[in-house]
Amino acid sequence: MAKTGKEPSPFGRVLRQIRLEKGLTIKQLAFACGMQDLAIQRLETAESTNPKLETLARLATALGLSPGELVDLVLTHPPTDPL
């Protein structure tokens, strides 16, 4: 993962953790969402910190969650991996 000098946002850290728990690569998740893999990487590494609602919906669906569940995970379950 590219280092940006910034800490990943809580959303980026949770997104990465869920993606890894599901056994998906960035490329696989991007394909499932119909997004570019660079967009996923930017979300995970804090280069992009405010995903649009449509992006949240695509990510949630690809991860087997509802958008609300994804947001709830970000708000209530801080990631455990130390990046």
PDB file of N, CA and C in Angstrom:
ATOM      1  N   MET A   1       0.845  -1.170   0.000  1.00  0.00           N
ATOM      2  CA  MET A   1       0.000   0.000   0.000  1.00  0.00           C
ATOM      3  C   MET A   1       0.887   1.228   0.000  1.00  0.00           C
ATOM      4  N   ALA A   2       0.558   2.211  -0.802  1.00  0.00           N
ATOM      5  CA  ALA A   2       1.326   3.437  -0.896  1.00  0.00           C
ATOM      6  C   ALA A   2       1.212   4.246   0.381  1.00  0.00           C
ATOM      7  N   LYS A   3       2.300   4.842   0.780  1.00  0.00           N
ATOM      8  CA  LYS A   3       2.301   5.699   1.962  1.00  0.00           C
ATOM      9  C   LYS A   3       2.053   7.136   1.529  1.00  0.00           C
ATOM     10  N   THR A   4       1.112   7.790   2.192  1.00  0.00           N
ATOM     11  CA  THR A   4       0.755   9.155   1.828  1.00  0.00           C
ATOM     12  C   THR A   4       1.252  10.163   2.848  1.00  0.00           C
ATOM     13  N   GLY A   5       1.755   9.706   3.983  1.00  0.00           N
ATOM     14  CA  GLY A   5       2.155  10.612   5.033  1.00  0.00           C
ATOM     15  C   GLY A   5       0.996  11.012   5.927  1.00  0.00           C
ATOM     16  N   LYS A   6      -0.202  10.601   5.581  1.00  0.00           N
ATOM     17  CA  LYS A   6      -1.394  10.885   6.372  1.00  0.00           C
ATOM     18  C   LYS A   6      -1.928   9.582   6.930  1.00  0.00           C
ATOM     19  N   GLU A   7      -2.527   9.675   8.107  1.00  0.00           N
ATOM     20  CA  GLU A   7      -3.187   8.505   8.678  1.00  0.00           C
ATOM     21  C   GLU A   7      -4.462   8.224   7.906  1.00  0.00           C
ATOM     22  N   PRO A   8      -4.750   6.961   7.615  1.00  0.00           N
ATOM     23  CA  PRO A   8      -6.026   6.653   6.978  1.00  0.00           C
ATOM     24  C   PRO A   8      -7.187   7.110   7.848  1.00  0.00           C
ATOM     25  N   SER A   9      -8.260   7.512   7.211  1.00  0.00           N
ATOM     26  CA  SER A   9      -9.459   7.896   7.942  1.00  0.00           C
ATOM     27  C   SER A   9     -10.064   6.652   8.587  1.00  0.00           C
ATOM     28  N   PRO A  10     -10.931   6.842   9.585  1.00  0.00           N
ATOM     29  CA  PRO A  10     -11.618   5.676  10.146  1.00  0.00           C
ATOM     30  C   PRO A  10     -12.335   4.875   9.046  1.00  0.00           C
ATOM     31  N   PHE A  11     -12.935   5.557   8.091  1.00  0.00           N
ATOM     32  CA  PHE A  11     -13.611   4.855   7.002  1.00  0.00           C
ATOM     33  C   PHE A  11     -12.617   4.015   6.213  1.00  0.00           C
ATOM     34  N   GLY A  12     -11.485   4.595   5.863  1.00  0.00           N
ATOM     35  CA  GLY A  12     -10.482   3.873   5.084  1.00  0.00           C
ATOM     36  C   GLY A  12      -9.941   2.655   5.806  1.00  0.00           C
ATOM     37  N   ARG A  13      -9.713   2.812   7.099  1.00  0.00           N
ATOM     38  CA  ARG A  13      -9.195   1.681   7.884  1.00  0.00           C
ATOM     39  C   ARG A  13     -10.223   0.562   7.981  1.00  0.00           C
ATOM     40  N   VAL A  14     -11.486   0.908   8.220  1.00  0.00           N
ATOM     41  CA  VAL A  14     -12.539  -0.112   8.310  1.00  0.00           C
ATOM     42  C   VAL A  14     -12.767  -0.752   6.948  1.00  0.00           C
ATOM     43  N   LEU A  15     -12.770   0.042   5.895  1.00  0.00           N
ATOM     44  CA  LEU A  15     -12.939  -0.509   4.547  1.00  0.00           C
ATOM     45  C   LEU A  15     -11.854  -1.546   4.261  1.00  0.00           C
ATOM     46  N   ARG A  16     -10.624  -1.203   4.556  1.00  0.00           N
ATOM     47  CA  ARG A  16      -9.515  -2.136   4.322  1.00  0.00           C
ATOM     48  C   ARG A  16      -9.692  -3.398   5.158  1.00  0.00           C
ATOM     49  N   GLN A  17     -10.046  -3.223   6.428  1.00  0.00           N
ATOM     50  CA  GLN A  17     -10.209  -4.377   7.310  1.00  0.00           C
ATOM     51  C   GLN A  17     -11.310  -5.304   6.797  1.00  0.00           C
ATOM     52  N   ILE A  18     -12.441  -4.752   6.419  1.00  0.00           N
ATOM     53  CA  ILE A  18     -13.540  -5.581   5.911  1.00  0.00           C
ATOM     54  C   ILE A  18     -13.133  -6.267   4.610  1.00  0.00           C
ATOM     55  N   ARG A  19     -12.477  -5.518   3.727  1.00  0.00           N
ATOM     56  CA  ARG A  19     -12.038  -6.098   2.450  1.00  0.00           C
ATOM     57  C   ARG A  19     -11.124  -7.286   2.704  1.00  0.00           C
ATOM     58  N   LEU A  20     -10.182  -7.136   3.611  1.00  0.00           N
ATOM     59  CA  LEU A  20      -9.252  -8.228   3.913  1.00  0.00           C
ATOM     60  C   LEU A  20      -9.964  -9.406   4.575  1.00  0.00           C
ATOM     61  N   GLU A  21     -10.912  -9.114   5.471  1.00  0.00           N
ATOM     62  CA  GLU A  21     -11.675 -10.190   6.112  1.00  0.00           C
ATOM     63  C   GLU A  21     -12.483 -10.986   5.084  1.00  0.00           C
ATOM     64  N   LYS A  22     -12.933 -10.321   4.028  1.00  0.00           N
ATOM     65  CA  LYS A  22     -13.692 -10.988   2.961  1.00  0.00           C
ATOM     66  C   LYS A  22     -12.771 -11.686   1.970  1.00  0.00           C
ATOM     67  N   GLY A  23     -11.459 -11.512   2.144  1.00  0.00           N
ATOM     68  CA  GLY A  23     -10.492 -12.171   1.270  1.00  0.00           C
ATOM     69  C   GLY A  23     -10.389 -11.546  -0.106  1.00  0.00           C
ATOM     70  N   LEU A  24     -10.691 -10.249  -0.201  1.00  0.00           N
ATOM     71  CA  LEU A  24     -10.676  -9.561  -1.487  1.00  0.00           C
ATOM     72  C   LEU A  24      -9.429  -8.701  -1.652  1.00  0.00           C
ATOM     73  N   THR A  25      -8.916  -8.652  -2.857  1.00  0.00           N
ATOM     74  CA  THR A  25      -7.862  -7.700  -3.180  1.00  0.00           C
ATOM     75  C   THR A  25      -8.526  -6.372  -3.545  1.00  0.00           C
ATOM     76  N   ILE A  26      -7.730  -5.331  -3.611  1.00  0.00           N
ATOM     77  CA  ILE A  26      -8.265  -4.035  -4.049  1.00  0.00           C
ATOM     78  C   ILE A  26      -8.856  -4.177  -5.441  1.00  0.00           C
ATOM     79  N   LYS A  27      -8.172  -4.873  -6.306  1.00  0.00           N
ATOM     80  CA  LYS A  27      -8.636  -5.054  -7.688  1.00  0.00           C
ATOM     81  C   LYS A  27      -9.970  -5.803  -7.733  1.00  0.00           C
ATOM     82  N   GLN A  28     -10.118  -6.837  -6.916  1.00  0.00           N
ATOM     83  CA  GLN A  28     -11.369  -7.596  -6.891  1.00  0.00           C
ATOM     84  C   GLN A  28     -12.526  -6.747  -6.376  1.00  0.00           C
ATOM     85  N   LEU A  29     -12.287  -5.976  -5.314  1.00  0.00           N
ATOM     86  CA  LEU A  29     -13.333  -5.119  -4.784  1.00  0.00           C
ATOM     87  C   LEU A  29     -13.709  -4.044  -5.796  1.00  0.00           C
ATOM     88  N   ALA A  30     -12.716  -3.459  -6.424  1.00  0.00           N
ATOM     89  CA  ALA A  30     -12.986  -2.436  -7.438  1.00  0.00           C
ATOM     90  C   ALA A  30     -13.838  -3.007  -8.572  1.00  0.00           C
ATOM     91  N   PHE A  31     -13.503  -4.193  -9.036  1.00  0.00           N
ATOM     92  CA  PHE A  31     -14.276  -4.821 -10.107  1.00  0.00           C
ATOM     93  C   PHE A  31     -15.716  -5.049  -9.667  1.00  0.00           C
ATOM     94  N   ALA A  32     -15.894  -5.547  -8.445  1.00  0.00           N
ATOM     95  CA  ALA A  32     -17.240  -5.821  -7.927  1.00  0.00           C
ATOM     96  C   ALA A  32     -18.064  -4.547  -7.782  1.00  0.00           C
ATOM     97  N   CYS A  33     -17.390  -3.428  -7.553  1.00  0.00           N
ATOM     98  CA  CYS A  33     -18.077  -2.135  -7.383  1.00  0.00           C
ATOM     99  C   CYS A  33     -18.244  -1.382  -8.697  1.00  0.00           C
ATOM    100  N   GLY A  34     -17.551  -1.820  -9.727  1.00  0.00           N
ATOM    101  CA  GLY A  34     -17.552  -1.060 -10.973  1.00  0.00           C
ATOM    102  C   GLY A  34     -16.746   0.222 -10.841  1.00  0.00           C
ATOM    103  N   MET A  35     -15.694   0.162 -10.034  1.00  0.00           N
ATOM    104  CA  MET A  35     -14.844   1.324  -9.784  1.00  0.00           C
ATOM    105  C   MET A  35     -13.416   1.012 -10.213  1.00  0.00           C
ATOM    106  N   GLN A  36     -12.599   2.031 -10.291  1.00  0.00           N
ATOM    107  CA  GLN A  36     -11.179   1.853 -10.557  1.00  0.00           C
ATOM    108  C   GLN A  36     -10.488   1.405  -9.277  1.00  0.00           C
ATOM    109  N   ASP A  37      -9.488   0.534  -9.395  1.00  0.00           N
ATOM    110  CA  ASP A  37      -8.780   0.093  -8.197  1.00  0.00           C
ATOM    111  C   ASP A  37      -8.069   1.256  -7.509  1.00  0.00           C
ATOM    112  N   LEU A  38      -7.649   2.267  -8.257  1.00  0.00           N
ATOM    113  CA  LEU A  38      -7.019   3.434  -7.653  1.00  0.00           C
ATOM    114  C   LEU A  38      -7.996   4.176  -6.739  1.00  0.00           C
ATOM    115  N   ALA A  39      -9.270   4.182  -7.084  1.00  0.00           N
ATOM    116  CA  ALA A  39     -10.276   4.839  -6.237  1.00  0.00           C
ATOM    117  C   ALA A  39     -10.392   4.127  -4.888  1.00  0.00           C
ATOM    118  N   ILE A  40     -10.365   2.799  -4.896  1.00  0.00           N
ATOM    119  CA  ILE A  40     -10.422   2.025  -3.646  1.00  0.00           C
ATOM    120  C   ILE A  40      -9.166   2.306  -2.825  1.00  0.00           C
ATOM    121  N   GLN A  41      -8.023   2.290  -3.488  1.00  0.00           N
ATOM    122  CA  GLN A  41      -6.764   2.553  -2.792  1.00  0.00           C
ATOM    123  C   GLN A  41      -6.790   3.940  -2.148  1.00  0.00           C
ATOM    124  N   ARG A  42      -7.299   4.919  -2.839  1.00  0.00           N
ATOM    125  CA  ARG A  42      -7.357   6.280  -2.290  1.00  0.00           C
ATOM    126  C   ARG A  42      -8.289   6.353  -1.083  1.00  0.00           C
ATOM    127  N   LEU A  43      -9.399   5.628  -1.131  1.00  0.00           N
ATOM    128  CA  LEU A  43     -10.301   5.598   0.025  1.00  0.00           C
ATOM    129  C   LEU A  43      -9.624   4.963   1.232  1.00  0.00           C
ATOM    130  N   GLU A  44      -8.869   3.922   0.993  1.00  0.00           N
ATOM    131  CA  GLU A  44      -8.209   3.212   2.092  1.00  0.00           C
ATOM    132  C   GLU A  44      -7.025   3.979   2.670  1.00  0.00           C
ATOM    133  N   THR A  45      -6.396   4.831   1.896  1.00  0.00           N
ATOM    134  CA  THR A  45      -5.162   5.487   2.343  1.00  0.00           C
ATOM    135  C   THR A  45      -5.330   6.964   2.661  1.00  0.00           C
ATOM    136  N   ALA A  46      -6.552   7.446   2.746  1.00  0.00           N
ATOM    137  CA  ALA A  46      -6.850   8.827   3.141  1.00  0.00           C
ATOM    138  C   ALA A  46      -6.572   9.858   2.061  1.00  0.00           C
ATOM    139  N   GLU A  47      -6.322   9.430   0.839  1.00  0.00           N
ATOM    140  CA  GLU A  47      -6.191  10.401  -0.251  1.00  0.00           C
ATOM    141  C   GLU A  47      -7.572  10.900  -0.666  1.00  0.00           C
ATOM    142  N   SER A  48      -8.592  10.117  -0.363  1.00  0.00           N
ATOM    143  CA  SER A  48      -9.983  10.494  -0.611  1.00  0.00           C
ATOM    144  C   SER A  48     -10.741  10.180   0.669  1.00  0.00           C
ATOM    145  N   THR A  49     -11.276  11.200   1.326  1.00  0.00           N
ATOM    146  CA  THR A  49     -11.847  10.987   2.653  1.00  0.00           C
ATOM    147  C   THR A  49     -13.355  11.164   2.737  1.00  0.00           C
ATOM    148  N   ASN A  50     -13.994  11.614   1.693  1.00  0.00           N
ATOM    149  CA  ASN A  50     -15.440  11.849   1.732  1.00  0.00           C
ATOM    150  C   ASN A  50     -16.132  11.127   0.585  1.00  0.00           C
ATOM    151  N   PRO A  51     -16.338   9.813   0.729  1.00  0.00           N
ATOM    152  CA  PRO A  51     -16.988   9.085  -0.370  1.00  0.00           C
ATOM    153  C   PRO A  51     -18.434   9.542  -0.552  1.00  0.00           C
ATOM    154  N   LYS A  52     -18.862   9.559  -1.794  1.00  0.00           N
ATOM    155  CA  LYS A  52     -20.246   9.902  -2.120  1.00  0.00           C
ATOM    156  C   LYS A  52     -21.158   8.763  -1.682  1.00  0.00           C
ATOM    157  N   LEU A  53     -22.442   9.083  -1.519  1.00  0.00           N
ATOM    158  CA  LEU A  53     -23.426   8.074  -1.117  1.00  0.00           C
ATOM    159  C   LEU A  53     -23.462   6.924  -2.121  1.00  0.00           C
ATOM    160  N   GLU A  54     -23.371   7.226  -3.398  1.00  0.00           N
ATOM    161  CA  GLU A  54     -23.357   6.180  -4.427  1.00  0.00           C
ATOM    162  C   GLU A  54     -22.152   5.251  -4.240  1.00  0.00           C
ATOM    163  N   THR A  55     -21.014   5.824  -3.893  1.00  0.00           N
ATOM    164  CA  THR A  55     -19.812   5.023  -3.657  1.00  0.00           C
ATOM    165  C   THR A  55     -20.000   4.123  -2.441  1.00  0.00           C
ATOM    166  N   LEU A  56     -20.562   4.678  -1.369  1.00  0.00           N
ATOM    167  CA  LEU A  56     -20.845   3.867  -0.178  1.00  0.00           C
ATOM    168  C   LEU A  56     -21.763   2.702  -0.522  1.00  0.00           C
ATOM    169  N   ALA A  57     -22.798   2.976  -1.306  1.00  0.00           N
ATOM    170  CA  ALA A  57     -23.747   1.925  -1.683  1.00  0.00           C
ATOM    171  C   ALA A  57     -23.057   0.843  -2.502  1.00  0.00           C
ATOM    172  N   ARG A  58     -22.216   1.227  -3.445  1.00  0.00           N
ATOM    173  CA  ARG A  58     -21.496   0.239  -4.267  1.00  0.00           C
ATOM    174  C   ARG A  58     -20.560  -0.616  -3.417  1.00  0.00           C
ATOM    175  N   LEU A  59     -19.804   0.046  -2.533  1.00  0.00           N
ATOM    176  CA  LEU A  59     -18.876  -0.687  -1.666  1.00  0.00           C
ATOM    177  C   LEU A  59     -19.623  -1.644  -0.749  1.00  0.00           C
ATOM    178  N   ALA A  60     -20.687  -1.154  -0.132  1.00  0.00           N
ATOM    179  CA  ALA A  60     -21.456  -1.986   0.789  1.00  0.00           C
ATOM    180  C   ALA A  60     -22.007  -3.216   0.080  1.00  0.00           C
ATOM    181  N   THR A  61     -22.592  -3.014  -1.087  1.00  0.00           N
ATOM    182  CA  THR A  61     -23.159  -4.125  -1.844  1.00  0.00           C
ATOM    183  C   THR A  61     -22.083  -5.156  -2.186  1.00  0.00           C
ATOM    184  N   ALA A  62     -20.935  -4.680  -2.640  1.00  0.00           N
ATOM    185  CA  ALA A  62     -19.842  -5.594  -3.003  1.00  0.00           C
ATOM    186  C   ALA A  62     -19.311  -6.351  -1.787  1.00  0.00           C
ATOM    187  N   LEU A  63     -19.432  -5.745  -0.610  1.00  0.00           N
ATOM    188  CA  LEU A  63     -18.954  -6.390   0.616  1.00  0.00           C
ATOM    189  C   LEU A  63     -20.042  -7.179   1.330  1.00  0.00           C
ATOM    190  N   GLY A  64     -21.242  -7.235   0.746  1.00  0.00           N
ATOM    191  CA  GLY A  64     -22.336  -7.997   1.334  1.00  0.00           C
ATOM    192  C   GLY A  64     -22.996  -7.290   2.502  1.00  0.00           C
ATOM    193  N   LEU A  65     -22.957  -5.964   2.513  1.00  0.00           N
ATOM    194  CA  LEU A  65     -23.539  -5.165   3.582  1.00  0.00           C
ATOM    195  C   LEU A  65     -24.529  -4.157   2.998  1.00  0.00           C
ATOM    196  N   SER A  66     -25.346  -3.580   3.863  1.00  0.00           N
ATOM    197  CA  SER A  66     -26.139  -2.436   3.431  1.00  0.00           C
ATOM    198  C   SER A  66     -25.281  -1.193   3.659  1.00  0.00           C
ATOM    199  N   PRO A  67     -25.571  -0.081   2.974  1.00  0.00           N
ATOM    200  CA  PRO A  67     -24.801   1.137   3.236  1.00  0.00           C
ATOM    201  C   PRO A  67     -24.847   1.536   4.714  1.00  0.00           C
ATOM    202  N   GLY A  68     -25.999   1.378   5.354  1.00  0.00           N
ATOM    203  CA  GLY A  68     -26.122   1.706   6.765  1.00  0.00           C
ATOM    204  C   GLY A  68     -25.227   0.840   7.635  1.00  0.00           C
ATOM    205  N   GLU A  69     -25.141  -0.449   7.305  1.00  0.00           N
ATOM    206  CA  GLU A  69     -24.269  -1.348   8.071  1.00  0.00           C
ATOM    207  C   GLU A  69     -22.809  -0.927   7.929  1.00  0.00           C
ATOM    208  N   LEU A  70     -22.415  -0.540   6.735  1.00  0.00           N
ATOM    209  CA  LEU A  70     -21.040  -0.105   6.504  1.00  0.00           C
ATOM    210  C   LEU A  70     -20.729   1.139   7.333  1.00  0.00           C
ATOM    211  N   VAL A  71     -21.620   2.101   7.308  1.00  0.00           N
ATOM    212  CA  VAL A  71     -21.426   3.329   8.092  1.00  0.00           C
ATOM    213  C   VAL A  71     -21.409   3.003   9.584  1.00  0.00           C
ATOM    214  N   ASP A  72     -22.321   2.146  10.031  1.00  0.00           N
ATOM    215  CA  ASP A  72     -22.350   1.759  11.447  1.00  0.00           C
ATOM    216  C   ASP A  72     -21.031   1.117  11.878  1.00  0.00           C
ATOM    217  N   LEU A  73     -20.459   0.270  11.014  1.00  0.00           N
ATOM    218  CA  LEU A  73     -19.179  -0.360  11.344  1.00  0.00           C
ATOM    219  C   LEU A  73     -18.090   0.690  11.511  1.00  0.00           C
ATOM    220  N   VAL A  74     -18.094   1.678  10.653  1.00  0.00           N
ATOM    221  CA  VAL A  74     -17.093   2.738  10.743  1.00  0.00           C
ATOM    222  C   VAL A  74     -17.253   3.504  12.056  1.00  0.00           C
ATOM    223  N   LEU A  75     -18.494   3.782  12.420  1.00  0.00           N
ATOM    224  CA  LEU A  75     -18.754   4.600  13.606  1.00  0.00           C
ATOM    225  C   LEU A  75     -18.583   3.846  14.917  1.00  0.00           C
ATOM    226  N   THR A  76     -18.844   2.547  14.925  1.00  0.00           N
ATOM    227  CA  THR A  76     -18.888   1.823  16.196  1.00  0.00           C
ATOM    228  C   THR A  76     -17.794   0.778  16.392  1.00  0.00           C
ATOM    229  N   HIS A  77     -17.076   0.421  15.353  1.00  0.00           N
ATOM    230  CA  HIS A  77     -16.056  -0.623  15.471  1.00  0.00           C
ATOM    231  C   HIS A  77     -14.740  -0.136  14.886  1.00  0.00           C
ATOM    232  N   PRO A  78     -13.927   0.527  15.685  1.00  0.00           N
ATOM    233  CA  PRO A  78     -12.651   0.964  15.154  1.00  0.00           C
ATOM    234  C   PRO A  78     -11.844  -0.241  14.689  1.00  0.00           C
ATOM    235  N   PRO A  79     -11.129  -0.085  13.594  1.00  0.00           N
ATOM    236  CA  PRO A  79     -10.341  -1.206  13.074  1.00  0.00           C
ATOM    237  C   PRO A  79      -9.290  -1.661  14.071  1.00  0.00           C
ATOM    238  N   THR A  80      -8.939  -2.927  13.983  1.00  0.00           N
ATOM    239  CA  THR A  80      -7.979  -3.486  14.921  1.00  0.00           C
ATOM    240  C   THR A  80      -6.602  -3.681  14.315  1.00  0.00           C
ATOM    241  N   ASP A  81      -6.475  -3.616  13.001  1.00  0.00           N
ATOM    242  CA  ASP A  81      -5.152  -3.845  12.405  1.00  0.00           C
ATOM    243  C   ASP A  81      -4.317  -2.563  12.501  1.00  0.00           C
ATOM    244  N   PRO A  82      -3.024  -2.673  12.796  1.00  0.00           N
ATOM    245  CA  PRO A  82      -2.203  -1.507  13.047  1.00  0.00           C
ATOM    246  C   PRO A  82      -1.616  -0.842  11.812  1.00  0.00           C
ATOM    247  N   LEU A  83      -1.983  -1.225  10.623  1.00  0.00           N
ATOM    248  CA  LEU A  83      -1.416  -0.649   9.389  1.00  0.00           C
ATOM    249  C   LEU A  83       0.030  -0.365   9.610  1.00  0.00           C
TER     250      LEU A  83
END
